[in-house]
């Protein structure tokens, strides 16, 4: 089993989910007392969020590259960035390493393509919904047509992520608000929903939705474990 290096703490609420998924799936695949071989770097998310909010992506990239190198030096054989948004600097992080980075959008796009879905609604942070680094990868690598909510919807989805989910707050009112965004997208032709922030799965699951749901945290963990066991 290869050792995976996890860049977590963005937020730690979903990093917990990664840790649980990787260990549970390892036990399911290998049986007995097996668990995943993991190294974890957990950021102070307040520092990361401050760089996001100010648009200082260069500073955020420097932090990510430094932490990734530390994980590689510590023995990691593959890298997992435990967040969708910070894949904005995935190419820069990969360029600084000699180990492979398991990309969350690649895992998500492959699952969508396999399921025959073409027009997924992307629920994510404002950065992931509005910038090209994630949507563009789905478009160019997988010929998908990702949809995003309108401005009011994007503001709502983003605010709930940062003000609630990243703080461990899960409310039915926010769940209903998200479902309203999904219902509007379904009327506009969405055929599926991407939980495009690793915290969205804390609020929604497949049984809440009519459309097919793709939880990026689960898909990313599966892809990472496939690599670790290859």
C-alpha atoms as a PDB file:
ATOM      1  CA  UNK A   1       0.000   0.000   0.000  1.00  0.00           C
ATOM      2  CA  UNK A   2       1.381   3.406  -0.960  1.00  0.00           C
ATOM      3  CA  UNK A   3       1.394   6.228   1.558  1.00  0.00           C
ATOM      4  CA  UNK A   4      -0.930   9.126   0.748  1.00  0.00           C
ATOM      5  CA  UNK A   5      -0.148  12.685   1.786  1.00  0.00           C
ATOM      6  CA  UNK A   6      -3.257  14.700   2.634  1.00  0.00           C
ATOM      7  CA  UNK A   7      -3.338  18.497   2.475  1.00  0.00           C
ATOM      8  CA  UNK A   8      -6.236  19.136   4.826  1.00  0.00           C
ATOM      9  CA  UNK A   9      -7.741  21.647   7.192  1.00  0.00           C
ATOM     10  CA  UNK A  10      -9.572  23.474   4.386  1.00  0.00           C
ATOM     11  CA  UNK A  11     -11.791  23.049   6.341  1.00  0.00           C
ATOM     12  CA  UNK A  12     -11.057  20.334   8.879  1.00  0.00           C
ATOM     13  CA  UNK A  13     -14.783  19.487   8.905  1.00  0.00           C
ATOM     14  CA  UNK A  14     -14.417  17.751   5.535  1.00  0.00           C
ATOM     15  CA  UNK A  15     -10.871  16.529   6.234  1.00  0.00           C
ATOM     16  CA  UNK A  16     -12.416  14.328   8.920  1.00  0.00           C
ATOM     17  CA  UNK A  17     -14.612  12.825   6.198  1.00  0.00           C
ATOM     18  CA  UNK A  18     -11.567  12.094   4.014  1.00  0.00           C
ATOM     19  CA  UNK A  19      -9.825  10.341   6.905  1.00  0.00           C
ATOM     20  CA  UNK A  20     -12.883   8.241   7.697  1.00  0.00           C
ATOM     21  CA  UNK A  21     -13.568   7.351   4.057  1.00  0.00           C
ATOM     22  CA  UNK A  22     -10.002   6.325   3.269  1.00  0.00           C
ATOM     23  CA  UNK A  23      -9.754   4.100   6.311  1.00  0.00           C
ATOM     24  CA  UNK A  24     -13.200   2.554   5.929  1.00  0.00           C
ATOM     25  CA  UNK A  25     -12.703   1.850   2.234  1.00  0.00           C
ATOM     26  CA  UNK A  26      -9.286   0.313   2.925  1.00  0.00           C
ATOM     27  CA  UNK A  27     -10.860  -2.017   5.477  1.00  0.00           C
ATOM     28  CA  UNK A  28     -13.634  -2.911   3.016  1.00  0.00           C
ATOM     29  CA  UNK A  29     -11.149  -3.728   0.250  1.00  0.00           C
ATOM     30  CA  UNK A  30      -8.454  -5.486   2.284  1.00  0.00           C
ATOM     31  CA  UNK A  31     -10.453  -6.778   5.240  1.00  0.00           C
ATOM     32  CA  UNK A  32      -9.378  -7.477   8.789  1.00  0.00           C
ATOM     33  CA  UNK A  33      -7.602  -4.700  10.647  1.00  0.00           C
ATOM     34  CA  UNK A  34      -6.256  -2.948   7.558  1.00  0.00           C
ATOM     35  CA  UNK A  35      -6.348   0.846   7.435  1.00  0.00           C
ATOM     36  CA  UNK A  36      -4.909   3.493   5.123  1.00  0.00           C
ATOM     37  CA  UNK A  37      -1.289   4.668   5.255  1.00  0.00           C
ATOM     38  CA  UNK A  38      -1.666   8.445   5.562  1.00  0.00           C
ATOM     39  CA  UNK A  39       0.334  11.555   6.334  1.00  0.00           C
ATOM     40  CA  UNK A  40      -1.763  14.643   7.125  1.00  0.00           C
ATOM     41  CA  UNK A  41      -0.849  18.305   6.932  1.00  0.00           C
ATOM     42  CA  UNK A  42      -3.699  20.354   8.423  1.00  0.00           C
ATOM     43  CA  UNK A  43      -3.698  24.081   7.730  1.00  0.00           C
ATOM     44  CA  UNK A  44      -5.093  26.794   9.963  1.00  0.00           C
ATOM     45  CA  UNK A  45      -7.979  27.542   7.618  1.00  0.00           C
ATOM     46  CA  UNK A  46      -8.297  31.150   8.808  1.00  0.00           C
ATOM     47  CA  UNK A  47      -4.944  31.870   7.141  1.00  0.00           C
ATOM     48  CA  UNK A  48      -5.981  30.206   3.889  1.00  0.00           C
ATOM     49  CA  UNK A  49      -9.390  31.923   3.850  1.00  0.00           C
ATOM     50  CA  UNK A  50      -7.792  35.333   4.375  1.00  0.00           C
ATOM     51  CA  UNK A  51      -5.677  34.837   1.237  1.00  0.00           C
ATOM     52  CA  UNK A  52      -8.725  33.633  -0.695  1.00  0.00           C
ATOM     53  CA  UNK A  53     -10.821  36.618   0.343  1.00  0.00           C
ATOM     54  CA  UNK A  54      -8.087  39.136  -0.508  1.00  0.00           C
ATOM     55  CA  UNK A  55      -7.317  37.458  -3.823  1.00  0.00           C
ATOM     56  CA  UNK A  56      -3.724  36.742  -2.788  1.00  0.00           C
ATOM     57  CA  UNK A  57      -3.592  33.400  -4.536  1.00  0.00           C
ATOM     58  CA  UNK A  58       0.193  33.616  -4.853  1.00  0.00           C
ATOM     59  CA  UNK A  59       0.555  33.524  -1.071  1.00  0.00           C
ATOM     60  CA  UNK A  60      -1.910  30.642  -0.839  1.00  0.00           C
ATOM     61  CA  UNK A  61       0.008  28.775  -3.530  1.00  0.00           C
ATOM     62  CA  UNK A  62       3.282  29.243  -1.657  1.00  0.00           C
ATOM     63  CA  UNK A  63       1.709  27.747   1.472  1.00  0.00           C
ATOM     64  CA  UNK A  64       0.339  24.795  -0.478  1.00  0.00           C
ATOM     65  CA  UNK A  65       3.628  24.089  -2.242  1.00  0.00           C
ATOM     66  CA  UNK A  66       5.583  24.269   1.015  1.00  0.00           C
ATOM     67  CA  UNK A  67       3.223  21.854   2.785  1.00  0.00           C
ATOM     68  CA  UNK A  68       3.151  19.466  -0.181  1.00  0.00           C
ATOM     69  CA  UNK A  69       6.954  19.314  -0.247  1.00  0.00           C
ATOM     70  CA  UNK A  70       6.988  18.552   3.475  1.00  0.00           C
ATOM     71  CA  UNK A  71       4.605  15.650   2.924  1.00  0.00           C
ATOM     72  CA  UNK A  72       6.739  14.312   0.076  1.00  0.00           C
ATOM     73  CA  UNK A  73       9.873  14.642   2.216  1.00  0.00           C
ATOM     74  CA  UNK A  74       8.023  12.778   4.971  1.00  0.00           C
ATOM     75  CA  UNK A  75       7.407   9.778   2.737  1.00  0.00           C
ATOM     76  CA  UNK A  76       4.160  10.492   0.875  1.00  0.00           C
ATOM     77  CA  UNK A  77       3.982   8.667  -2.463  1.00  0.00           C
ATOM     78  CA  UNK A  78       0.868  10.444  -3.748  1.00  0.00           C
ATOM     79  CA  UNK A  79      -0.759  13.771  -2.849  1.00  0.00           C
ATOM     80  CA  UNK A  80      -4.420  14.531  -2.101  1.00  0.00           C
ATOM     81  CA  UNK A  81      -5.582  18.149  -1.799  1.00  0.00           C
ATOM     82  CA  UNK A  82      -8.636  17.726   0.445  1.00  0.00           C
ATOM     83  CA  UNK A  83     -10.659  20.577  -1.056  1.00  0.00           C
ATOM     84  CA  UNK A  84     -12.005  21.544  -4.457  1.00  0.00           C
ATOM     85  CA  UNK A  85     -11.203  25.268  -4.304  1.00  0.00           C
ATOM     86  CA  UNK A  86      -7.504  24.855  -3.637  1.00  0.00           C
ATOM     87  CA  UNK A  87      -7.143  22.784  -6.789  1.00  0.00           C
ATOM     88  CA  UNK A  88      -6.846  26.238  -8.319  1.00  0.00           C
ATOM     89  CA  UNK A  89      -3.110  25.829  -7.688  1.00  0.00           C
ATOM     90  CA  UNK A  90      -2.962  22.083  -8.340  1.00  0.00           C
ATOM     91  CA  UNK A  91      -0.731  22.490 -11.394  1.00  0.00           C
ATOM     92  CA  UNK A  92       1.741  24.628  -9.439  1.00  0.00           C
ATOM     93  CA  UNK A  93       1.774  22.127  -6.588  1.00  0.00           C
ATOM     94  CA  UNK A  94       2.292  19.210  -8.968  1.00  0.00           C
ATOM     95  CA  UNK A  95       5.155  21.023 -10.709  1.00  0.00           C
ATOM     96  CA  UNK A  96       6.987  21.289  -7.379  1.00  0.00           C
ATOM     97  CA  UNK A  97       6.733  17.562  -6.637  1.00  0.00           C
ATOM     98  CA  UNK A  98       8.108  14.311  -7.983  1.00  0.00           C
ATOM     99  CA  UNK A  99       5.090  12.337  -6.702  1.00  0.00           C
ATOM    100  CA  UNK A 100       1.686  12.360  -8.450  1.00  0.00           C
ATOM    101  CA  UNK A 101      -1.219  14.549  -7.381  1.00  0.00           C
ATOM    102  CA  UNK A 102      -4.612  12.836  -7.519  1.00  0.00           C
ATOM    103  CA  UNK A 103      -6.871  15.550  -8.977  1.00  0.00           C
ATOM    104  CA  UNK A 104     -10.405  15.882  -7.644  1.00  0.00           C
ATOM    105  CA  UNK A 105     -11.860  17.199 -10.907  1.00  0.00           C
ATOM    106  CA  UNK A 106     -10.436  14.242 -12.816  1.00  0.00           C
ATOM    107  CA  UNK A 107     -12.138  11.807 -10.446  1.00  0.00           C
ATOM    108  CA  UNK A 108     -15.391  13.756 -10.675  1.00  0.00           C
ATOM    109  CA  UNK A 109     -15.340  14.130 -14.444  1.00  0.00           C
ATOM    110  CA  UNK A 110     -14.660  10.433 -14.939  1.00  0.00           C
ATOM    111  CA  UNK A 111     -17.630   9.498 -12.741  1.00  0.00           C
ATOM    112  CA  UNK A 112     -19.955  11.893 -14.567  1.00  0.00           C
ATOM    113  CA  UNK A 113     -18.872  10.579 -17.949  1.00  0.00           C
ATOM    114  CA  UNK A 114     -19.298   6.976 -16.867  1.00  0.00           C
ATOM    115  CA  UNK A 115     -22.836   7.770 -15.681  1.00  0.00           C
ATOM    116  CA  UNK A 116     -23.699   9.504 -18.949  1.00  0.00           C
ATOM    117  CA  UNK A 117     -24.391  12.874 -17.319  1.00  0.00           C
ATOM    118  CA  UNK A 118     -23.604  15.957 -19.393  1.00  0.00           C
ATOM    119  CA  UNK A 119     -25.060  19.041 -17.664  1.00  0.00           C
ATOM    120  CA  UNK A 120     -24.226  18.897 -13.962  1.00  0.00           C
ATOM    121  CA  UNK A 121     -25.071  21.707 -11.572  1.00  0.00           C
ATOM    122  CA  UNK A 122     -21.912  22.713  -9.701  1.00  0.00           C
ATOM    123  CA  UNK A 123     -22.497  23.638  -6.054  1.00  0.00           C
ATOM    124  CA  UNK A 124     -19.264  25.021  -4.659  1.00  0.00           C
ATOM    125  CA  UNK A 125     -17.470  28.064  -3.316  1.00  0.00           C
ATOM    126  CA  UNK A 126     -17.716  31.226  -5.354  1.00  0.00           C
ATOM    127  CA  UNK A 127     -14.138  30.706  -6.534  1.00  0.00           C
ATOM    128  CA  UNK A 128     -14.851  27.220  -7.887  1.00  0.00           C
ATOM    129  CA  UNK A 129     -18.163  28.206  -9.470  1.00  0.00           C
ATOM    130  CA  UNK A 130     -16.926  31.401 -11.112  1.00  0.00           C
ATOM    131  CA  UNK A 131     -13.315  30.694 -12.094  1.00  0.00           C
ATOM    132  CA  UNK A 132     -12.140  28.464 -14.923  1.00  0.00           C
ATOM    133  CA  UNK A 133      -9.701  26.145 -13.133  1.00  0.00           C
ATOM    134  CA  UNK A 134     -12.392  23.574 -12.242  1.00  0.00           C
ATOM    135  CA  UNK A 135     -15.223  24.068 -14.712  1.00  0.00           C
ATOM    136  CA  UNK A 136     -12.712  24.363 -17.558  1.00  0.00           C
ATOM    137  CA  UNK A 137     -11.177  21.014 -16.684  1.00  0.00           C
ATOM    138  CA  UNK A 138     -14.588  19.345 -16.789  1.00  0.00           C
ATOM    139  CA  UNK A 139     -15.310  20.976 -20.128  1.00  0.00           C
ATOM    140  CA  UNK A 140     -12.019  20.266 -21.874  1.00  0.00           C
ATOM    141  CA  UNK A 141     -11.101  16.880 -20.380  1.00  0.00           C
ATOM    142  CA  UNK A 142     -14.581  15.336 -20.277  1.00  0.00           C
ATOM    143  CA  UNK A 143     -16.730  17.325 -22.731  1.00  0.00           C
ATOM    144  CA  UNK A 144     -19.171  18.272 -19.968  1.00  0.00           C
ATOM    145  CA  UNK A 145     -21.352  21.368 -19.753  1.00  0.00           C
ATOM    146  CA  UNK A 146     -21.324  22.314 -16.065  1.00  0.00           C
ATOM    147  CA  UNK A 147     -23.969  24.767 -14.889  1.00  0.00           C
ATOM    148  CA  UNK A 148     -23.744  27.181 -11.969  1.00  0.00           C
ATOM    149  CA  UNK A 149     -26.499  29.061 -10.113  1.00  0.00           C
ATOM    150  CA  UNK A 150     -27.275  32.698 -10.859  1.00  0.00           C
ATOM    151  CA  UNK A 151     -25.546  35.421  -8.853  1.00  0.00           C
ATOM    152  CA  UNK A 152     -27.976  35.231  -5.940  1.00  0.00           C
ATOM    153  CA  UNK A 153     -27.685  31.455  -5.885  1.00  0.00           C
ATOM    154  CA  UNK A 154     -23.902  31.555  -5.973  1.00  0.00           C
ATOM    155  CA  UNK A 155     -23.849  34.030  -3.094  1.00  0.00           C
ATOM    156  CA  UNK A 156     -26.178  31.817  -1.063  1.00  0.00           C
ATOM    157  CA  UNK A 157     -24.221  28.614  -1.701  1.00  0.00           C
ATOM    158  CA  UNK A 158     -20.884  30.293  -0.931  1.00  0.00           C
ATOM    159  CA  UNK A 159     -22.102  31.962   2.262  1.00  0.00           C
ATOM    160  CA  UNK A 160     -23.536  28.747   3.690  1.00  0.00           C
ATOM    161  CA  UNK A 161     -20.250  26.952   3.026  1.00  0.00           C
ATOM    162  CA  UNK A 162     -18.083  29.505   4.828  1.00  0.00           C
ATOM    163  CA  UNK A 163     -20.442  30.748   7.523  1.00  0.00           C
ATOM    164  CA  UNK A 164     -21.985  27.398   8.414  1.00  0.00           C
ATOM    165  CA  UNK A 165     -20.536  24.181   6.993  1.00  0.00           C
ATOM    166  CA  UNK A 166     -16.880  25.091   7.579  1.00  0.00           C
ATOM    167  CA  UNK A 167     -17.878  25.894  11.172  1.00  0.00           C
ATOM    168  CA  UNK A 168     -19.675  22.582  11.712  1.00  0.00           C
ATOM    169  CA  UNK A 169     -23.169  24.094  11.443  1.00  0.00           C
ATOM    170  CA  UNK A 170     -25.653  21.962   9.498  1.00  0.00           C
ATOM    171  CA  UNK A 171     -29.196  23.344   9.391  1.00  0.00           C
ATOM    172  CA  UNK A 172     -32.378  22.195   7.710  1.00  0.00           C
ATOM    173  CA  UNK A 173     -33.079  25.772   6.577  1.00  0.00           C
ATOM    174  CA  UNK A 174     -29.833  25.838   4.627  1.00  0.00           C
ATOM    175  CA  UNK A 175     -30.551  22.386   3.208  1.00  0.00           C
ATOM    176  CA  UNK A 176     -33.888  23.626   1.924  1.00  0.00           C
ATOM    177  CA  UNK A 177     -32.185  26.701   0.447  1.00  0.00           C
ATOM    178  CA  UNK A 178     -29.745  24.474  -1.436  1.00  0.00           C
ATOM    179  CA  UNK A 179     -32.597  22.279  -2.648  1.00  0.00           C
ATOM    180  CA  UNK A 180     -34.277  25.390  -4.022  1.00  0.00           C
ATOM    181  CA  UNK A 181     -31.147  26.175  -6.034  1.00  0.00           C
ATOM    182  CA  UNK A 182     -31.091  22.603  -7.330  1.00  0.00           C
ATOM    183  CA  UNK A 183     -34.778  22.710  -8.289  1.00  0.00           C
ATOM    184  CA  UNK A 184     -34.233  25.877 -10.313  1.00  0.00           C
ATOM    185  CA  UNK A 185     -31.282  24.309 -12.133  1.00  0.00           C
ATOM    186  CA  UNK A 186     -33.297  21.164 -12.847  1.00  0.00           C
ATOM    187  CA  UNK A 187     -35.918  23.307 -14.560  1.00  0.00           C
ATOM    188  CA  UNK A 188     -33.135  24.793 -16.688  1.00  0.00           C
ATOM    189  CA  UNK A 189     -31.897  21.392 -17.835  1.00  0.00           C
ATOM    190  CA  UNK A 190     -29.425  20.173 -15.217  1.00  0.00           C
ATOM    191  CA  UNK A 191     -29.180  16.382 -15.289  1.00  0.00           C
ATOM    192  CA  UNK A 192     -27.059  15.910 -12.142  1.00  0.00           C
ATOM    193  CA  UNK A 193     -25.510  17.734  -9.189  1.00  0.00           C
ATOM    194  CA  UNK A 194     -21.830  17.999  -8.266  1.00  0.00           C
ATOM    195  CA  UNK A 195     -21.130  18.514  -4.582  1.00  0.00           C
ATOM    196  CA  UNK A 196     -18.225  20.704  -5.703  1.00  0.00           C
ATOM    197  CA  UNK A 197     -17.116  21.743  -2.265  1.00  0.00           C
ATOM    198  CA  UNK A 198     -15.965  18.999   0.084  1.00  0.00           C
ATOM    199  CA  UNK A 199     -18.313  20.355   2.775  1.00  0.00           C
ATOM    200  CA  UNK A 200     -21.508  20.154   0.678  1.00  0.00           C
ATOM    201  CA  UNK A 201     -21.827  16.453   1.443  1.00  0.00           C
ATOM    202  CA  UNK A 202     -22.265  17.409   5.098  1.00  0.00           C
ATOM    203  CA  UNK A 203     -25.554  19.096   4.127  1.00  0.00           C
ATOM    204  CA  UNK A 204     -26.890  17.101   1.168  1.00  0.00           C
ATOM    205  CA  UNK A 205     -26.913  13.459   0.138  1.00  0.00           C
ATOM    206  CA  UNK A 206     -28.438  11.494  -2.719  1.00  0.00           C
ATOM    207  CA  UNK A 207     -31.677  10.805  -0.862  1.00  0.00           C
ATOM    208  CA  UNK A 208     -32.424  14.547  -0.743  1.00  0.00           C
ATOM    209  CA  UNK A 209     -32.339  14.844  -4.537  1.00  0.00           C
ATOM    210  CA  UNK A 210     -34.185  13.725  -7.662  1.00  0.00           C
ATOM    211  CA  UNK A 211     -31.098  14.295  -9.790  1.00  0.00           C
ATOM    212  CA  UNK A 212     -28.024  12.042  -9.646  1.00  0.00           C
ATOM    213  CA  UNK A 213     -25.573  13.375  -7.061  1.00  0.00           C
ATOM    214  CA  UNK A 214     -21.774  13.236  -7.335  1.00  0.00           C
ATOM    215  CA  UNK A 215     -20.038  13.804  -4.013  1.00  0.00           C
ATOM    216  CA  UNK A 216     -16.524  14.954  -4.857  1.00  0.00           C
ATOM    217  CA  UNK A 217     -15.169  13.999  -1.437  1.00  0.00           C
ATOM    218  CA  UNK A 218     -16.218  10.382  -1.899  1.00  0.00           C
ATOM    219  CA  UNK A 219     -15.058  10.235  -5.525  1.00  0.00           C
ATOM    220  CA  UNK A 220     -11.696  11.795  -4.641  1.00  0.00           C
ATOM    221  CA  UNK A 221     -11.131   9.392  -1.758  1.00  0.00           C
ATOM    222  CA  UNK A 222     -11.963   6.442  -4.016  1.00  0.00           C
ATOM    223  CA  UNK A 223      -9.501   7.634  -6.672  1.00  0.00           C
ATOM    224  CA  UNK A 224      -6.808   8.185  -4.043  1.00  0.00           C
ATOM    225  CA  UNK A 225      -7.282   4.691  -2.634  1.00  0.00           C
ATOM    226  CA  UNK A 226      -7.231   3.176  -6.136  1.00  0.00           C
ATOM    227  CA  UNK A 227      -3.824   4.799  -6.560  1.00  0.00           C
ATOM    228  CA  UNK A 228      -2.597   3.707  -3.134  1.00  0.00           C
ATOM    229  CA  UNK A 229      -3.522   0.092  -3.801  1.00  0.00           C
ATOM    230  CA  UNK A 230      -2.287  -0.022  -7.399  1.00  0.00           C
END
